[in-house]
Amino acid sequence: QLFKTLVAVGNKTGPVVAVIPGNRELDLKKIAKASGNKKVEMLHLRDLEETTGYIRGGCSPVGMKKLFPTFFDARAEHFATIIVSAGRRGLQMELAPKDLATLVRGQFVDLTLDSEE
């Protein structure tokens, strides 16, 4: 139920947010397709605070400087609640994934690498 928030940059959209299970790895091709980009790469760590307002380890899908396109891994829909960062290292919040998606205008899509990759 613990999900991490990652920020990537698309060649067309700029920053995009991915909320994926903590034990999974983001598939850049999948988030590129979902977000309408041809290519997506991870946002450089040095740009994270300036772009989102958050530091590494405290990045939350809620309350970023701007409302970026946000995508939740489809696995989140299988839980009554999920746990995400609340904006500071060591501070989390637990809420229904659909409520969180509504708040940030997010979509549920397959975002992670398959286990055999």
N, C-alpha and C. Protein backbone atom coordinates (compact mmCIF):
# COMPACT_ATOMS: atom_id res chain seq x y z
N GLN A 1 0.80 -1.20 0.00
CA GLN A 1 0.00 0.00 0.00
C GLN A 1 0.84 1.26 0.00
N LEU A 2 2.15 1.13 0.16
CA LEU A 2 3.04 2.29 0.18
C LEU A 2 3.45 2.64 -1.25
N PHE A 3 3.14 3.86 -1.66
CA PHE A 3 3.43 4.30 -3.03
C PHE A 3 4.40 5.47 -2.98
N LYS A 4 5.31 5.50 -3.96
CA LYS A 4 6.27 6.60 -4.05
C LYS A 4 5.88 7.52 -5.20
N THR A 5 6.27 8.77 -5.07
CA THR A 5 5.96 9.78 -6.07
C THR A 5 7.24 10.14 -6.81
N LEU A 6 7.23 9.94 -8.11
CA LEU A 6 8.40 10.24 -8.95
C LEU A 6 8.01 11.31 -9.95
N VAL A 7 8.99 12.12 -10.33
CA VAL A 7 8.73 13.18 -11.32
C VAL A 7 9.67 12.96 -12.51
N ALA A 8 9.07 12.94 -13.68
CA ALA A 8 9.81 12.78 -14.92
C ALA A 8 9.52 14.00 -15.80
N VAL A 9 10.25 14.10 -16.91
CA VAL A 9 10.06 15.21 -17.83
C VAL A 9 9.84 14.65 -19.23
N GLY A 10 8.72 15.04 -19.82
CA GLY A 10 8.40 14.61 -21.17
C GLY A 10 8.86 15.63 -22.19
N ASN A 11 9.16 15.16 -23.39
CA ASN A 11 9.64 16.07 -24.44
C ASN A 11 8.55 17.02 -24.92
N LYS A 12 7.27 16.70 -24.69
CA LYS A 12 6.18 17.58 -25.11
C LYS A 12 5.50 18.28 -23.94
N THR A 13 5.28 17.55 -22.85
CA THR A 13 4.48 18.08 -21.74
C THR A 13 5.29 18.75 -20.64
N GLY A 14 6.59 18.48 -20.60
CA GLY A 14 7.37 18.93 -19.44
C GLY A 14 7.15 17.95 -18.29
N PRO A 15 7.13 18.43 -17.04
CA PRO A 15 7.03 17.52 -15.91
C PRO A 15 5.76 16.68 -15.90
N VAL A 16 5.93 15.40 -15.56
CA VAL A 16 4.81 14.49 -15.35
C VAL A 16 5.09 13.74 -14.04
N VAL A 17 4.05 13.43 -13.32
CA VAL A 17 4.17 12.80 -12.01
C VAL A 17 3.68 11.36 -12.10
N ALA A 18 4.46 10.45 -11.52
CA ALA A 18 4.10 9.04 -11.47
C ALA A 18 4.03 8.60 -10.01
N VAL A 19 2.93 7.96 -9.65
CA VAL A 19 2.76 7.43 -8.30
C VAL A 19 2.70 5.92 -8.45
N ILE A 20 3.76 5.25 -7.97
CA ILE A 20 3.88 3.81 -8.19
C ILE A 20 4.18 3.08 -6.88
N PRO A 21 3.92 1.77 -6.83
CA PRO A 21 4.24 1.02 -5.62
C PRO A 21 5.71 1.19 -5.25
N GLY A 22 5.96 1.29 -3.96
CA GLY A 22 7.32 1.53 -3.47
C GLY A 22 8.33 0.47 -3.87
N ASN A 23 7.86 -0.74 -4.15
CA ASN A 23 8.78 -1.83 -4.49
C ASN A 23 8.89 -2.06 -6.00
N ARG A 24 8.36 -1.15 -6.80
CA ARG A 24 8.38 -1.31 -8.25
C ARG A 24 9.24 -0.23 -8.90
N GLU A 25 9.54 -0.43 -10.19
CA GLU A 25 10.35 0.53 -10.94
C GLU A 25 9.51 1.12 -12.07
N LEU A 26 9.63 2.42 -12.25
CA LEU A 26 8.88 3.12 -13.29
C LEU A 26 9.37 2.71 -14.68
N ASP A 27 8.43 2.43 -15.56
CA ASP A 27 8.74 2.14 -16.96
C ASP A 27 8.56 3.45 -17.73
N LEU A 28 9.66 4.04 -18.15
CA LEU A 28 9.63 5.35 -18.82
C LEU A 28 8.84 5.30 -20.13
N LYS A 29 8.86 4.18 -20.81
CA LYS A 29 8.10 4.05 -22.07
C LYS A 29 6.60 4.09 -21.78
N LYS A 30 6.19 3.46 -20.70
CA LYS A 30 4.76 3.43 -20.37
C LYS A 30 4.26 4.81 -19.96
N ILE A 31 5.04 5.55 -19.18
CA ILE A 31 4.57 6.88 -18.78
C ILE A 31 4.64 7.84 -19.96
N ALA A 32 5.59 7.64 -20.86
CA ALA A 32 5.65 8.47 -22.07
C ALA A 32 4.37 8.28 -22.88
N LYS A 33 3.99 7.05 -23.09
CA LYS A 33 2.78 6.76 -23.87
C LYS A 33 1.54 7.33 -23.18
N ALA A 34 1.42 7.10 -21.87
CA ALA A 34 0.25 7.57 -21.12
C ALA A 34 0.12 9.09 -21.13
N SER A 35 1.27 9.77 -21.13
CA SER A 35 1.26 11.24 -21.04
C SER A 35 1.32 11.94 -22.39
N GLY A 36 1.37 11.18 -23.47
CA GLY A 36 1.39 11.79 -24.80
C GLY A 36 2.75 12.30 -25.22
N ASN A 37 3.78 11.77 -24.62
CA ASN A 37 5.15 12.15 -24.97
C ASN A 37 5.80 11.05 -25.80
N LYS A 38 6.77 11.46 -26.62
CA LYS A 38 7.54 10.46 -27.37
C LYS A 38 8.66 9.91 -26.48
N LYS A 39 9.22 10.79 -25.65
CA LYS A 39 10.33 10.40 -24.77
C LYS A 39 10.14 11.06 -23.40
N VAL A 40 10.46 10.30 -22.36
CA VAL A 40 10.39 10.80 -20.99
C VAL A 40 11.66 10.37 -20.27
N GLU A 41 12.22 11.28 -19.48
CA GLU A 41 13.36 10.93 -18.64
C GLU A 41 13.10 11.46 -17.24
N MET A 42 13.76 10.88 -16.27
CA MET A 42 13.57 11.31 -14.89
C MET A 42 14.06 12.75 -14.72
N LEU A 43 13.33 13.51 -13.92
CA LEU A 43 13.74 14.87 -13.57
C LEU A 43 15.04 14.79 -12.77
N HIS A 44 16.01 15.62 -13.10
CA HIS A 44 17.26 15.63 -12.35
C HIS A 44 16.98 16.02 -10.90
N LEU A 45 17.63 15.34 -9.99
CA LEU A 45 17.43 15.59 -8.56
C LEU A 45 17.66 17.06 -8.21
N ARG A 46 18.63 17.69 -8.85
CA ARG A 46 18.93 19.10 -8.54
C ARG A 46 17.77 20.03 -8.93
N ASP A 47 16.88 19.56 -9.82
CA ASP A 47 15.74 20.38 -10.26
C ASP A 47 14.45 20.07 -9.51
N LEU A 48 14.47 19.05 -8.64
CA LEU A 48 13.24 18.60 -8.00
C LEU A 48 12.60 19.68 -7.13
N GLU A 49 13.37 20.30 -6.24
CA GLU A 49 12.78 21.28 -5.34
C GLU A 49 12.28 22.52 -6.09
N GLU A 50 13.05 22.97 -7.07
CA GLU A 50 12.63 24.14 -7.84
C GLU A 50 11.36 23.87 -8.64
N THR A 51 11.25 22.66 -9.17
CA THR A 51 10.10 22.29 -9.99
C THR A 51 8.85 22.01 -9.16
N THR A 52 9.01 21.24 -8.08
CA THR A 52 7.84 20.76 -7.33
C THR A 52 7.62 21.47 -6.00
N GLY A 53 8.68 22.01 -5.42
CA GLY A 53 8.59 22.57 -4.07
C GLY A 53 8.94 21.55 -3.01
N TYR A 54 9.25 20.34 -3.43
CA TYR A 54 9.57 19.25 -2.49
C TYR A 54 11.01 18.80 -2.64
N ILE A 55 11.55 18.22 -1.55
CA ILE A 55 12.89 17.65 -1.60
C ILE A 55 12.78 16.14 -1.80
N ARG A 56 13.88 15.51 -2.15
CA ARG A 56 13.91 14.07 -2.34
C ARG A 56 13.49 13.38 -1.04
N GLY A 57 12.63 12.41 -1.18
CA GLY A 57 12.14 11.69 -0.01
C GLY A 57 10.90 12.32 0.60
N GLY A 58 10.52 13.50 0.13
CA GLY A 58 9.35 14.17 0.65
C GLY A 58 8.40 14.62 -0.45
N CYS A 59 8.59 14.08 -1.63
CA CYS A 59 7.78 14.50 -2.78
C CYS A 59 6.39 13.88 -2.70
N SER A 60 5.39 14.71 -2.68
CA SER A 60 3.99 14.28 -2.58
C SER A 60 3.26 14.60 -3.88
N PRO A 61 2.28 13.77 -4.27
CA PRO A 61 1.51 14.11 -5.46
C PRO A 61 0.58 15.31 -5.22
N VAL A 62 0.39 15.68 -3.97
CA VAL A 62 -0.50 16.78 -3.60
C VAL A 62 0.33 18.02 -3.24
N GLY A 63 -0.07 19.18 -3.72
CA GLY A 63 0.55 20.43 -3.28
C GLY A 63 1.82 20.83 -3.99
N MET A 64 2.07 20.30 -5.17
CA MET A 64 3.24 20.75 -5.93
C MET A 64 3.01 22.20 -6.37
N LYS A 65 4.08 22.84 -6.80
CA LYS A 65 3.99 24.25 -7.21
C LYS A 65 2.95 24.44 -8.31
N LYS A 66 2.83 23.45 -9.19
CA LYS A 66 1.83 23.47 -10.27
C LYS A 66 1.14 22.12 -10.29
N LEU A 67 -0.01 22.07 -10.91
CA LEU A 67 -0.72 20.80 -11.08
C LEU A 67 -0.21 20.15 -12.37
N PHE A 68 0.74 19.24 -12.22
CA PHE A 68 1.33 18.56 -13.37
C PHE A 68 0.47 17.36 -13.74
N PRO A 69 0.56 16.90 -15.00
CA PRO A 69 -0.14 15.66 -15.36
C PRO A 69 0.33 14.55 -14.41
N THR A 70 -0.63 13.87 -13.79
CA THR A 70 -0.32 12.87 -12.77
C THR A 70 -0.93 11.53 -13.14
N PHE A 71 -0.12 10.49 -12.98
CA PHE A 71 -0.52 9.14 -13.34
C PHE A 71 -0.25 8.21 -12.17
N PHE A 72 -1.24 7.39 -11.85
CA PHE A 72 -1.12 6.42 -10.78
C PHE A 72 -1.01 5.04 -11.40
N ASP A 73 -0.12 4.22 -10.86
CA ASP A 73 -0.05 2.86 -11.35
C ASP A 73 -1.40 2.19 -11.09
N ALA A 74 -1.86 1.41 -12.03
CA ALA A 74 -3.17 0.76 -11.93
C ALA A 74 -3.32 -0.09 -10.67
N ARG A 75 -2.21 -0.56 -10.11
CA ARG A 75 -2.28 -1.36 -8.88
C ARG A 75 -2.92 -0.59 -7.72
N ALA A 76 -2.82 0.72 -7.76
CA ALA A 76 -3.39 1.53 -6.67
C ALA A 76 -4.89 1.34 -6.56
N GLU A 77 -5.55 1.08 -7.67
CA GLU A 77 -7.01 0.92 -7.66
C GLU A 77 -7.47 -0.32 -6.88
N HIS A 78 -6.56 -1.26 -6.63
CA HIS A 78 -6.91 -2.49 -5.94
C HIS A 78 -6.97 -2.32 -4.42
N PHE A 79 -6.56 -1.17 -3.92
CA PHE A 79 -6.53 -0.92 -2.48
C PHE A 79 -7.64 0.03 -2.07
N ALA A 80 -8.18 -0.18 -0.87
CA ALA A 80 -9.16 0.76 -0.32
C ALA A 80 -8.47 2.08 -0.01
N THR A 81 -7.23 1.99 0.50
CA THR A 81 -6.42 3.19 0.76
C THR A 81 -4.99 2.92 0.34
N ILE A 82 -4.26 3.98 0.03
CA ILE A 82 -2.83 3.89 -0.24
C ILE A 82 -2.13 4.93 0.63
N ILE A 83 -0.83 4.73 0.81
CA ILE A 83 -0.02 5.64 1.61
C ILE A 83 0.97 6.33 0.69
N VAL A 84 0.98 7.66 0.72
CA VAL A 84 1.91 8.46 -0.08
C VAL A 84 2.57 9.49 0.83
N SER A 85 3.64 10.08 0.36
CA SER A 85 4.31 11.13 1.12
C SER A 85 3.37 12.31 1.31
N ALA A 86 3.49 12.92 2.48
CA ALA A 86 2.66 14.10 2.78
C ALA A 86 3.46 15.39 2.66
N GLY A 87 4.62 15.34 2.01
CA GLY A 87 5.35 16.57 1.72
C GLY A 87 6.63 16.79 2.49
N ARG A 88 6.91 15.90 3.44
CA ARG A 88 8.17 15.97 4.19
C ARG A 88 8.70 14.57 4.39
N ARG A 89 10.00 14.42 4.47
CA ARG A 89 10.57 13.10 4.76
C ARG A 89 9.99 12.57 6.06
N GLY A 90 9.56 11.32 6.02
CA GLY A 90 9.04 10.68 7.21
C GLY A 90 7.59 10.98 7.53
N LEU A 91 6.94 11.78 6.71
CA LEU A 91 5.54 12.13 6.95
C LEU A 91 4.70 11.59 5.79
N GLN A 92 3.75 10.69 6.12
CA GLN A 92 2.91 10.10 5.10
C GLN A 92 1.44 10.38 5.39
N MET A 93 0.64 10.19 4.35
CA MET A 93 -0.81 10.28 4.51
C MET A 93 -1.43 9.06 3.84
N GLU A 94 -2.54 8.63 4.41
CA GLU A 94 -3.25 7.47 3.89
C GLU A 94 -4.63 7.91 3.44
N LEU A 95 -4.97 7.60 2.20
CA LEU A 95 -6.27 7.98 1.68
C LEU A 95 -6.68 7.08 0.53
N ALA A 96 -7.93 7.16 0.15
CA ALA A 96 -8.45 6.36 -0.95
C ALA A 96 -7.79 6.81 -2.25
N PRO A 97 -7.31 5.86 -3.06
CA PRO A 97 -6.64 6.25 -4.31
C PRO A 97 -7.54 7.05 -5.25
N LYS A 98 -8.82 6.74 -5.30
CA LYS A 98 -9.72 7.49 -6.19
C LYS A 98 -9.88 8.92 -5.71
N ASP A 99 -9.90 9.13 -4.39
CA ASP A 99 -9.99 10.49 -3.86
C ASP A 99 -8.73 11.28 -4.21
N LEU A 100 -7.58 10.63 -4.06
CA LEU A 100 -6.31 11.27 -4.39
C LEU A 100 -6.25 11.60 -5.88
N ALA A 101 -6.67 10.67 -6.71
CA ALA A 101 -6.66 10.90 -8.16
C ALA A 101 -7.59 12.05 -8.54
N THR A 102 -8.73 12.13 -7.88
CA THR A 102 -9.67 13.24 -8.14
C THR A 102 -9.03 14.57 -7.77
N LEU A 103 -8.36 14.60 -6.62
CA LEU A 103 -7.74 15.82 -6.12
C LEU A 103 -6.69 16.38 -7.09
N VAL A 104 -5.88 15.49 -7.67
CA VAL A 104 -4.79 15.94 -8.55
C VAL A 104 -5.11 15.72 -10.04
N ARG A 105 -6.37 15.37 -10.32
CA ARG A 105 -6.81 15.10 -11.70
C ARG A 105 -5.96 14.00 -12.35
N GLY A 106 -5.69 12.97 -11.59
CA GLY A 106 -4.84 11.87 -12.06
C GLY A 106 -5.60 10.78 -12.78
N GLN A 107 -4.83 9.95 -13.47
CA GLN A 107 -5.37 8.80 -14.19
C GLN A 107 -4.68 7.53 -13.71
N PHE A 108 -5.38 6.41 -13.78
CA PHE A 108 -4.81 5.12 -13.44
C PHE A 108 -4.40 4.40 -14.71
N VAL A 109 -3.11 4.05 -14.79
CA VAL A 109 -2.57 3.35 -15.97
C VAL A 109 -1.47 2.40 -15.50
N ASP A 110 -1.10 1.47 -16.36
CA ASP A 110 0.02 0.57 -16.06
C ASP A 110 1.31 1.37 -16.25
N LEU A 111 2.09 1.49 -15.18
CA LEU A 111 3.29 2.35 -15.21
C LEU A 111 4.60 1.65 -14.90
N THR A 112 4.57 0.43 -14.40
CA THR A 112 5.81 -0.16 -13.91
C THR A 112 6.37 -1.22 -14.86
N LEU A 113 7.65 -1.47 -14.68
CA LEU A 113 8.31 -2.51 -15.47
C LEU A 113 7.72 -3.85 -15.09
N ASP A 114 7.56 -4.70 -16.09
CA ASP A 114 7.10 -6.06 -15.80
C ASP A 114 8.22 -6.80 -15.10
N SER A 115 7.88 -7.76 -14.26
CA SER A 115 8.88 -8.42 -13.44
C SER A 115 9.96 -9.13 -14.23
N GLU A 116 9.65 -9.59 -15.46
CA GLU A 116 10.67 -10.28 -16.25
C GLU A 116 11.59 -9.35 -17.01
N GLU A 117 11.31 -8.04 -16.99
CA GLU A 117 12.16 -7.09 -17.71
C GLU A 117 13.38 -6.74 -16.89
